[in-house]
Amino acid sequence: MPKEKPNYFDLVYQVVREIPTGRATSYGAIAHYLGLKSGARMVGYAMNAAHALPDVPAHRVVNRLGMLTGRHHFSTPTAMQEALESEGVKIENDQIKDFDKVFWDPETELSI
């Protein structure tokens, strides 16, 4: 019987659901944690598809510099920033301020 391939989007969503309120992580950190061969791009594809899923806090996933690169996939151009700011995250020029303090690393925080 052939081995069933994992659904990478579901694995990404499992990780994203664990990001605490007021914290954020990067596409690359999730990819690294999951050992995804196609890396951050695959996580980005998953996040683009996640906006219809109310239990996946896609607004908490940004690029490696803390830039809100996925903002154009939200219902309005400012929705991602507004969601982060409502959780206490400071944004300046489409970038998380003090990203190193807000950054949540699944490698050290999870054991999925």
PDB file of N, CA and C in Angstrom:
ATOM      1  N   MET A   1       0.848  -1.178   0.000  1.00  0.00           N
ATOM      2  CA  MET A   1       0.000   0.000   0.000  1.00  0.00           C
ATOM      3  C   MET A   1       0.900   1.250   0.000  1.00  0.00           C
ATOM      4  N   PRO A   2       0.656   2.189  -0.927  1.00  0.00           N
ATOM      5  CA  PRO A   2       1.521   3.374  -0.977  1.00  0.00           C
ATOM      6  C   PRO A   2       1.338   4.255   0.250  1.00  0.00           C
ATOM      7  N   LYS A   3       2.457   4.839   0.656  1.00  0.00           N
ATOM      8  CA  LYS A   3       2.441   5.743   1.814  1.00  0.00           C
ATOM      9  C   LYS A   3       1.689   7.026   1.435  1.00  0.00           C
ATOM     10  N   GLU A   4       0.773   7.447   2.288  1.00  0.00           N
ATOM     11  CA  GLU A   4       0.000   8.658   2.025  1.00  0.00           C
ATOM     12  C   GLU A   4       0.872   9.879   2.266  1.00  0.00           C
ATOM     13  N   LYS A   5       0.859  10.808   1.301  1.00  0.00           N
ATOM     14  CA  LYS A   5       1.649  12.030   1.430  1.00  0.00           C
ATOM     15  C   LYS A   5       0.976  12.966   2.427  1.00  0.00           C
ATOM     16  N   PRO A   6       1.777  13.651   3.258  1.00  0.00           N
ATOM     17  CA  PRO A   6       1.165  14.606   4.194  1.00  0.00           C
ATOM     18  C   PRO A   6       0.611  15.808   3.440  1.00  0.00           C
ATOM     19  N   ASN A   7      -0.436  16.387   3.951  1.00  0.00           N
ATOM     20  CA  ASN A   7      -0.983  17.612   3.379  1.00  0.00           C
ATOM     21  C   ASN A   7      -0.224  18.765   4.031  1.00  0.00           C
ATOM     22  N   TYR A   8       0.696  19.355   3.266  1.00  0.00           N
ATOM     23  CA  TYR A   8       1.554  20.391   3.826  1.00  0.00           C
ATOM     24  C   TYR A   8       0.774  21.607   4.308  1.00  0.00           C
ATOM     25  N   PHE A   9      -0.289  21.967   3.605  1.00  0.00           N
ATOM     26  CA  PHE A   9      -1.084  23.106   4.050  1.00  0.00           C
ATOM     27  C   PHE A   9      -1.632  22.836   5.446  1.00  0.00           C
ATOM     28  N   ASP A  10      -2.145  21.641   5.675  1.00  0.00           N
ATOM     29  CA  ASP A  10      -2.676  21.305   7.005  1.00  0.00           C
ATOM     30  C   ASP A  10      -1.587  21.366   8.065  1.00  0.00           C
ATOM     31  N   LEU A  11      -0.387  20.900   7.738  1.00  0.00           N
ATOM     32  CA  LEU A  11       0.718  20.968   8.697  1.00  0.00           C
ATOM     33  C   LEU A  11       1.062  22.424   9.015  1.00  0.00           C
ATOM     34  N   VAL A  12       1.091  23.262   7.988  1.00  0.00           N
ATOM     35  CA  VAL A  12       1.360  24.691   8.193  1.00  0.00           C
ATOM     36  C   VAL A  12       0.287  25.288   9.098  1.00  0.00           C
ATOM     37  N   TYR A  13      -0.975  24.976   8.815  1.00  0.00           N
ATOM     38  CA  TYR A  13      -2.074  25.529   9.613  1.00  0.00           C
ATOM     39  C   TYR A  13      -1.987  25.074  11.064  1.00  0.00           C
ATOM     40  N   GLN A  14      -1.549  23.843  11.300  1.00  0.00           N
ATOM     41  CA  GLN A  14      -1.384  23.367  12.680  1.00  0.00           C
ATOM     42  C   GLN A  14      -0.391  24.245  13.427  1.00  0.00           C
ATOM     43  N   VAL A  15       0.710  24.582  12.776  1.00  0.00           N
ATOM     44  CA  VAL A  15       1.728  25.432  13.411  1.00  0.00           C
ATOM     45  C   VAL A  15       1.180  26.838  13.631  1.00  0.00           C
ATOM     46  N   VAL A  16       0.553  27.417  12.602  1.00  0.00           N
ATOM     47  CA  VAL A  16       0.059  28.792  12.692  1.00  0.00           C
ATOM     48  C   VAL A  16      -0.972  28.927  13.809  1.00  0.00           C
ATOM     49  N   ARG A  17      -1.786  27.917  14.004  1.00  0.00           N
ATOM     50  CA  ARG A  17      -2.792  27.959  15.088  1.00  0.00           C
ATOM     51  C   ARG A  17      -2.142  28.043  16.463  1.00  0.00           C
ATOM     52  N   GLU A  18      -0.886  27.674  16.572  1.00  0.00           N
ATOM     53  CA  GLU A  18      -0.182  27.695  17.862  1.00  0.00           C
ATOM     54  C   GLU A  18       0.484  29.037  18.175  1.00  0.00           C
ATOM     55  N   ILE A  19       0.578  29.926  17.194  1.00  0.00           N
ATOM     56  CA  ILE A  19       1.234  31.223  17.433  1.00  0.00           C
ATOM     57  C   ILE A  19       0.397  32.017  18.426  1.00  0.00           C
ATOM     58  N   PRO A  20       0.970  32.397  19.543  1.00  0.00           N
ATOM     59  CA  PRO A  20       0.202  33.127  20.561  1.00  0.00           C
ATOM     60  C   PRO A  20      -0.204  34.533  20.105  1.00  0.00           C
ATOM     61  N   THR A  21      -1.272  35.008  20.677  1.00  0.00           N
ATOM     62  CA  THR A  21      -1.718  36.386  20.453  1.00  0.00           C
ATOM     63  C   THR A  21      -0.581  37.345  20.782  1.00  0.00           C
ATOM     64  N   GLY A  22      -0.394  38.334  19.910  1.00  0.00           N
ATOM     65  CA  GLY A  22       0.640  39.335  20.148  1.00  0.00           C
ATOM     66  C   GLY A  22       2.023  38.916  19.710  1.00  0.00           C
ATOM     67  N   ARG A  23       2.133  37.775  19.052  1.00  0.00           N
ATOM     68  CA  ARG A  23       3.426  37.283  18.556  1.00  0.00           C
ATOM     69  C   ARG A  23       3.305  37.046  17.056  1.00  0.00           C
ATOM     70  N   ALA A  24       4.416  36.886  16.383  1.00  0.00           N
ATOM     71  CA  ALA A  24       4.425  36.618  14.947  1.00  0.00           C
ATOM     72  C   ALA A  24       5.621  35.744  14.616  1.00  0.00           C
ATOM     73  N   THR A  25       5.518  35.056  13.500  1.00  0.00           N
ATOM     74  CA  THR A  25       6.624  34.233  13.022  1.00  0.00           C
ATOM     75  C   THR A  25       6.793  34.471  11.529  1.00  0.00           C
ATOM     76  N   SER A  26       7.782  33.825  10.952  1.00  0.00           N
ATOM     77  CA  SER A  26       8.050  34.020   9.527  1.00  0.00           C
ATOM     78  C   SER A  26       7.708  32.764   8.732  1.00  0.00           C
ATOM     79  N   TYR A  27       7.521  32.974   7.445  1.00  0.00           N
ATOM     80  CA  TYR A  27       7.269  31.854   6.538  1.00  0.00           C
ATOM     81  C   TYR A  27       8.410  30.844   6.648  1.00  0.00           C
ATOM     82  N   GLY A  28       9.637  31.357   6.636  1.00  0.00           N
ATOM     83  CA  GLY A  28      10.816  30.499   6.691  1.00  0.00           C
ATOM     84  C   GLY A  28      10.939  29.706   7.979  1.00  0.00           C
ATOM     85  N   ALA A  29      10.571  30.322   9.101  1.00  0.00           N
ATOM     86  CA  ALA A  29      10.654  29.615  10.388  1.00  0.00           C
ATOM     87  C   ALA A  29       9.691  28.434  10.413  1.00  0.00           C
ATOM     88  N   ILE A  30       8.509  28.619   9.843  1.00  0.00           N
ATOM     89  CA  ILE A  30       7.536  27.522   9.776  1.00  0.00           C
ATOM     90  C   ILE A  30       8.059  26.436   8.842  1.00  0.00           C
ATOM     91  N   ALA A  31       8.568  26.832   7.682  1.00  0.00           N
ATOM     92  CA  ALA A  31       9.105  25.867   6.718  1.00  0.00           C
ATOM     93  C   ALA A  31      10.245  25.062   7.334  1.00  0.00           C
ATOM     94  N   HIS A  32      11.147  25.745   8.021  1.00  0.00           N
ATOM     95  CA  HIS A  32      12.274  25.068   8.673  1.00  0.00           C
ATOM     96  C   HIS A  32      11.777  24.063   9.709  1.00  0.00           C
ATOM     97  N   TYR A  33      10.837  24.493  10.526  1.00  0.00           N
ATOM     98  CA  TYR A  33      10.292  23.621  11.564  1.00  0.00           C
ATOM     99  C   TYR A  33       9.673  22.356  10.970  1.00  0.00           C
ATOM    100  N   LEU A  34       8.949  22.523   9.861  1.00  0.00           N
ATOM    101  CA  LEU A  34       8.269  21.383   9.237  1.00  0.00           C
ATOM    102  C   LEU A  34       9.174  20.595   8.287  1.00  0.00           C
ATOM    103  N   GLY A  35      10.367  21.116   8.019  1.00  0.00           N
ATOM    104  CA  GLY A  35      11.277  20.440   7.097  1.00  0.00           C
ATOM    105  C   GLY A  35      10.757  20.434   5.670  1.00  0.00           C
ATOM    106  N   LEU A  36      10.062  21.492   5.289  1.00  0.00           N
ATOM    107  CA  LEU A  36       9.499  21.575   3.939  1.00  0.00           C
ATOM    108  C   LEU A  36      10.596  21.845   2.919  1.00  0.00           C
ATOM    109  N   LYS A  37      10.683  20.988   1.931  1.00  0.00           N
ATOM    110  CA  LYS A  37      11.712  21.126   0.896  1.00  0.00           C
ATOM    111  C   LYS A  37      11.523  22.394   0.076  1.00  0.00           C
ATOM    112  N   SER A  38      10.277  22.752  -0.197  1.00  0.00           N
ATOM    113  CA  SER A  38      10.028  23.942  -1.009  1.00  0.00           C
ATOM    114  C   SER A  38      10.005  25.210  -0.165  1.00  0.00           C
ATOM    115  N   GLY A  39      10.215  25.066   1.109  1.00  0.00           N
ATOM    116  CA  GLY A  39      10.466  26.178   1.997  1.00  0.00           C
ATOM    117  C   GLY A  39       9.382  27.218   2.177  1.00  0.00           C
ATOM    118  N   ALA A  40       9.859  28.441   2.377  1.00  0.00           N
ATOM    119  CA  ALA A  40       8.991  29.558   2.720  1.00  0.00           C
ATOM    120  C   ALA A  40       7.911  29.804   1.674  1.00  0.00           C
ATOM    121  N   ARG A  41       8.225  29.543   0.426  1.00  0.00           N
ATOM    122  CA  ARG A  41       7.242  29.770  -0.642  1.00  0.00           C
ATOM    123  C   ARG A  41       6.003  28.895  -0.438  1.00  0.00           C
ATOM    124  N   MET A  42       6.206  27.638  -0.054  1.00  0.00           N
ATOM    125  CA  MET A  42       5.081  26.729   0.195  1.00  0.00           C
ATOM    126  C   MET A  42       4.237  27.245   1.367  1.00  0.00           C
ATOM    127  N   VAL A  43       4.886  27.745   2.395  1.00  0.00           N
ATOM    128  CA  VAL A  43       4.163  28.316   3.535  1.00  0.00           C
ATOM    129  C   VAL A  43       3.366  29.534   3.067  1.00  0.00           C
ATOM    130  N   GLY A  44       3.952  30.336   2.210  1.00  0.00           N
ATOM    131  CA  GLY A  44       3.247  31.496   1.650  1.00  0.00           C
ATOM    132  C   GLY A  44       2.007  31.079   0.878  1.00  0.00           C
ATOM    133  N   TYR A  45       2.116  30.024   0.081  1.00  0.00           N
ATOM    134  CA  TYR A  45       0.956  29.520  -0.655  1.00  0.00           C
ATOM    135  C   TYR A  45      -0.134  29.081   0.319  1.00  0.00           C
ATOM    136  N   ALA A  46       0.273  28.412   1.387  1.00  0.00           N
ATOM    137  CA  ALA A  46      -0.695  27.964   2.397  1.00  0.00           C
ATOM    138  C   ALA A  46      -1.384  29.161   3.054  1.00  0.00           C
ATOM    139  N   MET A  47      -0.602  30.195   3.366  1.00  0.00           N
ATOM    140  CA  MET A  47      -1.184  31.382   3.990  1.00  0.00           C
ATOM    141  C   MET A  47      -2.150  32.092   3.041  1.00  0.00           C
ATOM    142  N   ASN A  48      -1.816  32.127   1.749  1.00  0.00           N
ATOM    143  CA  ASN A  48      -2.716  32.740   0.773  1.00  0.00           C
ATOM    144  C   ASN A  48      -4.063  32.030   0.740  1.00  0.00           C
ATOM    145  N   ALA A  49      -4.049  30.736   0.994  1.00  0.00           N
ATOM    146  CA  ALA A  49      -5.280  29.936   0.969  1.00  0.00           C
ATOM    147  C   ALA A  49      -5.990  29.907   2.324  1.00  0.00           C
ATOM    148  N   ALA A  50      -5.381  30.468   3.347  1.00  0.00           N
ATOM    149  CA  ALA A  50      -5.905  30.343   4.714  1.00  0.00           C
ATOM    150  C   ALA A  50      -6.951  31.376   5.095  1.00  0.00           C
ATOM    151  N   HIS A  51      -7.125  32.395   4.287  1.00  0.00           N
ATOM    152  CA  HIS A  51      -7.985  33.508   4.696  1.00  0.00           C
ATOM    153  C   HIS A  51      -9.451  33.144   4.829  1.00  0.00           C
ATOM    154  N   ALA A  52      -9.853  32.030   4.257  1.00  0.00           N
ATOM    155  CA  ALA A  52     -11.235  31.574   4.418  1.00  0.00           C
ATOM    156  C   ALA A  52     -11.394  30.719   5.680  1.00  0.00           C
ATOM    157  N   LEU A  53     -10.291  30.450   6.350  1.00  0.00           N
ATOM    158  CA  LEU A  53     -10.317  29.606   7.550  1.00  0.00           C
ATOM    159  C   LEU A  53     -10.254  30.494   8.788  1.00  0.00           C
ATOM    160  N   PRO A  54     -11.364  30.647   9.493  1.00  0.00           N
ATOM    161  CA  PRO A  54     -11.397  31.582  10.627  1.00  0.00           C
ATOM    162  C   PRO A  54     -10.492  31.184  11.799  1.00  0.00           C
ATOM    163  N   ASP A  55     -10.087  29.916  11.873  1.00  0.00           N
ATOM    164  CA  ASP A  55      -9.274  29.478  13.009  1.00  0.00           C
ATOM    165  C   ASP A  55      -7.771  29.494  12.713  1.00  0.00           C
ATOM    166  N   VAL A  56      -7.367  30.077  11.575  1.00  0.00           N
ATOM    167  CA  VAL A  56      -5.949  30.168  11.229  1.00  0.00           C
ATOM    168  C   VAL A  56      -5.551  31.652  11.247  1.00  0.00           C
ATOM    169  N   PRO A  57      -4.786  32.076  12.253  1.00  0.00           N
ATOM    170  CA  PRO A  57      -4.413  33.493  12.366  1.00  0.00           C
ATOM    171  C   PRO A  57      -3.289  33.876  11.398  1.00  0.00           C
ATOM    172  N   ALA A  58      -3.628  33.909  10.115  1.00  0.00           N
ATOM    173  CA  ALA A  58      -2.643  34.174   9.055  1.00  0.00           C
ATOM    174  C   ALA A  58      -1.945  35.519   9.215  1.00  0.00           C
ATOM    175  N   HIS A  59      -2.582  36.452   9.905  1.00  0.00           N
ATOM    176  CA  HIS A  59      -1.974  37.775  10.095  1.00  0.00           C
ATOM    177  C   HIS A  59      -0.695  37.717  10.926  1.00  0.00           C
ATOM    178  N   ARG A  60      -0.461  36.613  11.613  1.00  0.00           N
ATOM    179  CA  ARG A  60       0.718  36.471  12.470  1.00  0.00           C
ATOM    180  C   ARG A  60       1.924  35.890  11.730  1.00  0.00           C
ATOM    181  N   VAL A  61       1.801  35.713  10.423  1.00  0.00           N
ATOM    182  CA  VAL A  61       2.911  35.170   9.626  1.00  0.00           C
ATOM    183  C   VAL A  61       3.393  36.252   8.658  1.00  0.00           C
ATOM    184  N   VAL A  62       4.679  36.591   8.770  1.00  0.00           N
ATOM    185  CA  VAL A  62       5.277  37.676   7.994  1.00  0.00           C
ATOM    186  C   VAL A  62       6.587  37.191   7.380  1.00  0.00           C
ATOM    187  N   ASN A  63       7.266  38.057   6.655  1.00  0.00           N
ATOM    188  CA  ASN A  63       8.545  37.624   6.090  1.00  0.00           C
ATOM    189  C   ASN A  63       9.645  37.684   7.158  1.00  0.00           C
ATOM    190  N   ARG A  64      10.832  37.274   6.797  1.00  0.00           N
ATOM    191  CA  ARG A  64      11.929  37.135   7.773  1.00  0.00           C
ATOM    192  C   ARG A  64      12.367  38.446   8.410  1.00  0.00           C
ATOM    193  N   LEU A  65      11.980  39.565   7.799  1.00  0.00           N
ATOM    194  CA  LEU A  65      12.322  40.876   8.346  1.00  0.00           C
ATOM    195  C   LEU A  65      11.171  41.491   9.138  1.00  0.00           C
ATOM    196  N   GLY A  66      10.052  40.768   9.209  1.00  0.00           N
ATOM    197  CA  GLY A  66       8.886  41.301   9.907  1.00  0.00           C
ATOM    198  C   GLY A  66       7.986  42.140   9.028  1.00  0.00           C
ATOM    199  N   MET A  67       8.220  42.114   7.721  1.00  0.00           N
ATOM    200  CA  MET A  67       7.395  42.884   6.783  1.00  0.00           C
ATOM    201  C   MET A  67       6.056  42.184   6.564  1.00  0.00           C
ATOM    202  N   LEU A  68       5.001  42.968   6.433  1.00  0.00           N
ATOM    203  CA  LEU A  68       3.658  42.433   6.224  1.00  0.00           C
ATOM    204  C   LEU A  68       3.451  42.135   4.733  1.00  0.00           C
ATOM    205  N   THR A  69       4.244  41.229   4.208  1.00  0.00           N
ATOM    206  CA  THR A  69       4.227  40.940   2.778  1.00  0.00           C
ATOM    207  C   THR A  69       2.929  40.284   2.316  1.00  0.00           C
ATOM    208  N   GLY A  70       2.191  39.663   3.198  1.00  0.00           N
ATOM    209  CA  GLY A  70       0.940  39.014   2.820  1.00  0.00           C
ATOM    210  C   GLY A  70      -0.276  39.911   2.926  1.00  0.00           C
ATOM    211  N   ARG A  71      -0.089  41.172   3.234  1.00  0.00           N
ATOM    212  CA  ARG A  71      -1.215  42.073   3.516  1.00  0.00           C
ATOM    213  C   ARG A  71      -2.193  42.194   2.361  1.00  0.00           C
ATOM    214  N   HIS A  72      -1.726  42.073   1.122  1.00  0.00           N
ATOM    215  CA  HIS A  72      -2.627  42.226  -0.026  1.00  0.00           C
ATOM    216  C   HIS A  72      -3.565  41.029  -0.215  1.00  0.00           C
ATOM    217  N   HIS A  73      -3.389  39.978   0.565  1.00  0.00           N
ATOM    218  CA  HIS A  73      -4.282  38.812   0.492  1.00  0.00           C
ATOM    219  C   HIS A  73      -5.439  38.905   1.491  1.00  0.00           C
ATOM    220  N   PHE A  74      -5.468  39.949   2.280  1.00  0.00           N
ATOM    221  CA  PHE A  74      -6.540  40.138   3.260  1.00  0.00           C
ATOM    222  C   PHE A  74      -7.686  40.928   2.641  1.00  0.00           C
ATOM    223  N   SER A  75      -8.803  40.989   3.343  1.00  0.00           N
ATOM    224  CA  SER A  75     -10.013  41.628   2.813  1.00  0.00           C
ATOM    225  C   SER A  75      -9.818  43.102   2.466  1.00  0.00           C
ATOM    226  N   THR A  76      -8.962  43.787   3.210  1.00  0.00           N
ATOM    227  CA  THR A  76      -8.615  45.171   2.889  1.00  0.00           C
ATOM    228  C   THR A  76      -7.094  45.309   3.021  1.00  0.00           C
ATOM    229  N   PRO A  77      -6.502  46.319   2.413  1.00  0.00           N
ATOM    230  CA  PRO A  77      -5.041  46.494   2.479  1.00  0.00           C
ATOM    231  C   PRO A  77      -4.505  46.708   3.897  1.00  0.00           C
ATOM    232  N   THR A  78      -5.379  47.123   4.827  1.00  0.00           N
ATOM    233  CA  THR A  78      -4.910  47.397   6.189  1.00  0.00           C
ATOM    234  C   THR A  78      -5.355  46.342   7.204  1.00  0.00           C
ATOM    235  N   ALA A  79      -6.082  45.332   6.770  1.00  0.00           N
ATOM    236  CA  ALA A  79      -6.647  44.338   7.700  1.00  0.00           C
ATOM    237  C   ALA A  79      -5.568  43.581   8.483  1.00  0.00           C
ATOM    238  N   MET A  80      -4.480  43.226   7.823  1.00  0.00           N
ATOM    239  CA  MET A  80      -3.406  42.483   8.501  1.00  0.00           C
ATOM    240  C   MET A  80      -2.795  43.346   9.601  1.00  0.00           C
ATOM    241  N   GLN A  81      -2.474  44.589   9.275  1.00  0.00           N
ATOM    242  CA  GLN A  81      -1.904  45.512  10.255  1.00  0.00           C
ATOM    243  C   GLN A  81      -2.877  45.742  11.406  1.00  0.00           C
ATOM    244  N   GLU A  82      -4.139  45.959  11.093  1.00  0.00           N
ATOM    245  CA  GLU A  82      -5.141  46.199  12.138  1.00  0.00           C
ATOM    246  C   GLU A  82      -5.259  44.998  13.075  1.00  0.00           C
ATOM    247  N   ALA A  83      -5.222  43.791  12.523  1.00  0.00           N
ATOM    248  CA  ALA A  83      -5.321  42.588  13.357  1.00  0.00           C
ATOM    249  C   ALA A  83      -4.119  42.483  14.296  1.00  0.00           C
ATOM    250  N   LEU A  84      -2.926  42.734  13.775  1.00  0.00           N
ATOM    251  CA  LEU A  84      -1.729  42.684  14.615  1.00  0.00           C
ATOM    252  C   LEU A  84      -1.754  43.777  15.683  1.00  0.00           C
ATOM    253  N   GLU A  85      -2.128  44.989  15.281  1.00  0.00           N
ATOM    254  CA  GLU A  85      -2.172  46.087  16.247  1.00  0.00           C
ATOM    255  C   GLU A  85      -3.214  45.841  17.333  1.00  0.00           C
ATOM    256  N   SER A  86      -4.309  45.178  16.988  1.00  0.00           N
ATOM    257  CA  SER A  86      -5.327  44.876  18.002  1.00  0.00           C
ATOM    258  C   SER A  86      -4.796  43.897  19.050  1.00  0.00           C
ATOM    259  N   GLU A  87      -3.699  43.205  18.712  1.00  0.00           N
ATOM    260  CA  GLU A  87      -3.052  42.271  19.644  1.00  0.00           C
ATOM    261  C   GLU A  87      -1.853  42.910  20.344  1.00  0.00           C
ATOM    262  N   GLY A  88      -1.650  44.213  20.113  1.00  0.00           N
ATOM    263  CA  GLY A  88      -0.566  44.913  20.782  1.00  0.00           C
ATOM    264  C   GLY A  88       0.741  44.966  20.022  1.00  0.00           C
ATOM    265  N   VAL A  89       0.762  44.481  18.788  1.00  0.00           N
ATOM    266  CA  VAL A  89       1.981  44.504  17.973  1.00  0.00           C
ATOM    267  C   VAL A  89       2.080  45.864  17.291  1.00  0.00           C
ATOM    268  N   LYS A  90       3.237  46.485  17.404  1.00  0.00           N
ATOM    269  CA  LYS A  90       3.466  47.803  16.805  1.00  0.00           C
ATOM    270  C   LYS A  90       3.962  47.632  15.368  1.00  0.00           C
ATOM    271  N   ILE A  91       3.343  48.391  14.454  1.00  0.00           N
ATOM    272  CA  ILE A  91       3.695  48.340  13.034  1.00  0.00           C
ATOM    273  C   ILE A  91       4.119  49.727  12.592  1.00  0.00           C
ATOM    274  N   GLU A  92       5.184  49.778  11.825  1.00  0.00           N
ATOM    275  CA  GLU A  92       5.648  51.043  11.262  1.00  0.00           C
ATOM    276  C   GLU A  92       6.105  50.786   9.830  1.00  0.00           C
ATOM    277  N   ASN A  93       5.520  51.493   8.873  1.00  0.00           N
ATOM    278  CA  ASN A  93       5.864  51.332   7.457  1.00  0.00           C
ATOM    279  C   ASN A  93       5.742  49.870   7.000  1.00  0.00           C
ATOM    280  N   ASP A  94       4.614  49.247   7.329  1.00  0.00           N
ATOM    281  CA  ASP A  94       4.326  47.852   6.942  1.00  0.00           C
ATOM    282  C   ASP A  94       5.322  46.842   7.496  1.00  0.00           C
ATOM    283  N   GLN A  95       5.939  47.162   8.622  1.00  0.00           N
ATOM    284  CA  GLN A  95       6.896  46.254   9.247  1.00  0.00           C
ATOM    285  C   GLN A  95       6.673  46.220  10.753  1.00  0.00           C
ATOM    286  N   ILE A  96       6.800  45.020  11.343  1.00  0.00           N
ATOM    287  CA  ILE A  96       6.663  44.884  12.791  1.00  0.00           C
ATOM    288  C   ILE A  96       7.858  45.545  13.456  1.00  0.00           C
ATOM    289  N   LYS A  97       7.554  46.463  14.359  1.00  0.00           N
ATOM    290  CA  LYS A  97       8.597  47.154  15.128  1.00  0.00           C
ATOM    291  C   LYS A  97       9.136  46.182  16.182  1.00  0.00           C
ATOM    292  N   ASP A  98      10.445  46.171  16.362  1.00  0.00           N
ATOM    293  CA  ASP A  98      11.095  45.253  17.319  1.00  0.00           C
ATOM    294  C   ASP A  98      10.703  43.803  17.035  1.00  0.00           C
ATOM    295  N   PHE A  99      10.806  43.411  15.764  1.00  0.00           N
ATOM    296  CA  PHE A  99      10.400  42.060  15.353  1.00  0.00           C
ATOM    297  C   PHE A  99      11.111  40.975  16.162  1.00  0.00           C
ATOM    298  N   ASP A 100      12.361  41.217  16.542  1.00  0.00           N
ATOM    299  CA  ASP A 100      13.093  40.213  17.320  1.00  0.00           C
ATOM    300  C   ASP A 100      12.430  39.934  18.667  1.00  0.00           C
ATOM    301  N   LYS A 101      11.710  40.902  19.219  1.00  0.00           N
ATOM    302  CA  LYS A 101      11.021  40.703  20.500  1.00  0.00           C
ATOM    303  C   LYS A 101       9.653  40.047  20.323  1.00  0.00           C
ATOM    304  N   VAL A 102       9.041  40.251  19.152  1.00  0.00           N
ATOM    305  CA  VAL A 102       7.715  39.701  18.852  1.00  0.00           C
ATOM    306  C   VAL A 102       7.841  38.305  18.248  1.00  0.00           C
ATOM    307  N   PHE A 103       9.003  38.013  17.657  1.00  0.00           N
ATOM    308  CA  PHE A 103       9.211  36.763  16.917  1.00  0.00           C
ATOM    309  C   PHE A 103       8.963  35.538  17.791  1.00  0.00           C
ATOM    310  N   TRP A 104       8.188  34.615  17.247  1.00  0.00           N
ATOM    311  CA  TRP A 104       7.871  33.338  17.876  1.00  0.00           C
ATOM    312  C   TRP A 104       8.475  32.246  17.019  1.00  0.00           C
ATOM    313  N   ASP A 105       9.379  31.476  17.581  1.00  0.00           N
ATOM    314  CA  ASP A 105      10.088  30.445  16.820  1.00  0.00           C
ATOM    315  C   ASP A 105       9.494  29.072  17.106  1.00  0.00           C
ATOM    316  N   PRO A 106       8.818  28.473  16.119  1.00  0.00           N
ATOM    317  CA  PRO A 106       8.212  27.164  16.361  1.00  0.00           C
ATOM    318  C   PRO A 106       9.246  26.101  16.734  1.00  0.00           C
ATOM    319  N   GLU A 107      10.484  26.277  16.281  1.00  0.00           N
ATOM    320  CA  GLU A 107      11.537  25.308  16.585  1.00  0.00           C
ATOM    321  C   GLU A 107      11.753  25.173  18.098  1.00  0.00           C
ATOM    322  N   THR A 108      11.663  26.289  18.813  1.00  0.00           N
ATOM    323  CA  THR A 108      11.897  26.248  20.262  1.00  0.00           C
ATOM    324  C   THR A 108      10.610  26.203  21.073  1.00  0.00           C
ATOM    325  N   GLU A 109       9.480  26.560  20.441  1.00  0.00           N
ATOM    326  CA  GLU A 109       8.215  26.653  21.176  1.00  0.00           C
ATOM    327  C   GLU A 109       7.309  25.424  21.050  1.00  0.00           C
ATOM    328  N   LEU A 110       7.534  24.614  20.007  1.00  0.00           N
ATOM    329  CA  LEU A 110       6.607  23.511  19.738  1.00  0.00           C
ATOM    330  C   LEU A 110       7.262  22.156  19.742  1.00  0.00           C
ATOM    331  N   SER A 111       6.428  21.161  19.882  1.00  0.00           N
ATOM    332  CA  SER A 111       6.871  19.777  19.696  1.00  0.00           C
ATOM    333  C   SER A 111       5.736  18.994  19.026  1.00  0.00           C
ATOM    334  N   ILE A 112       5.339  19.497  17.850  1.00  0.00           N
ATOM    335  CA  ILE A 112       4.261  18.828  17.075  1.00  0.00           C
ATOM    336  C   ILE A 112       4.870  17.645  16.356  1.00  0.00           C
TER     337      ILE A 112
END
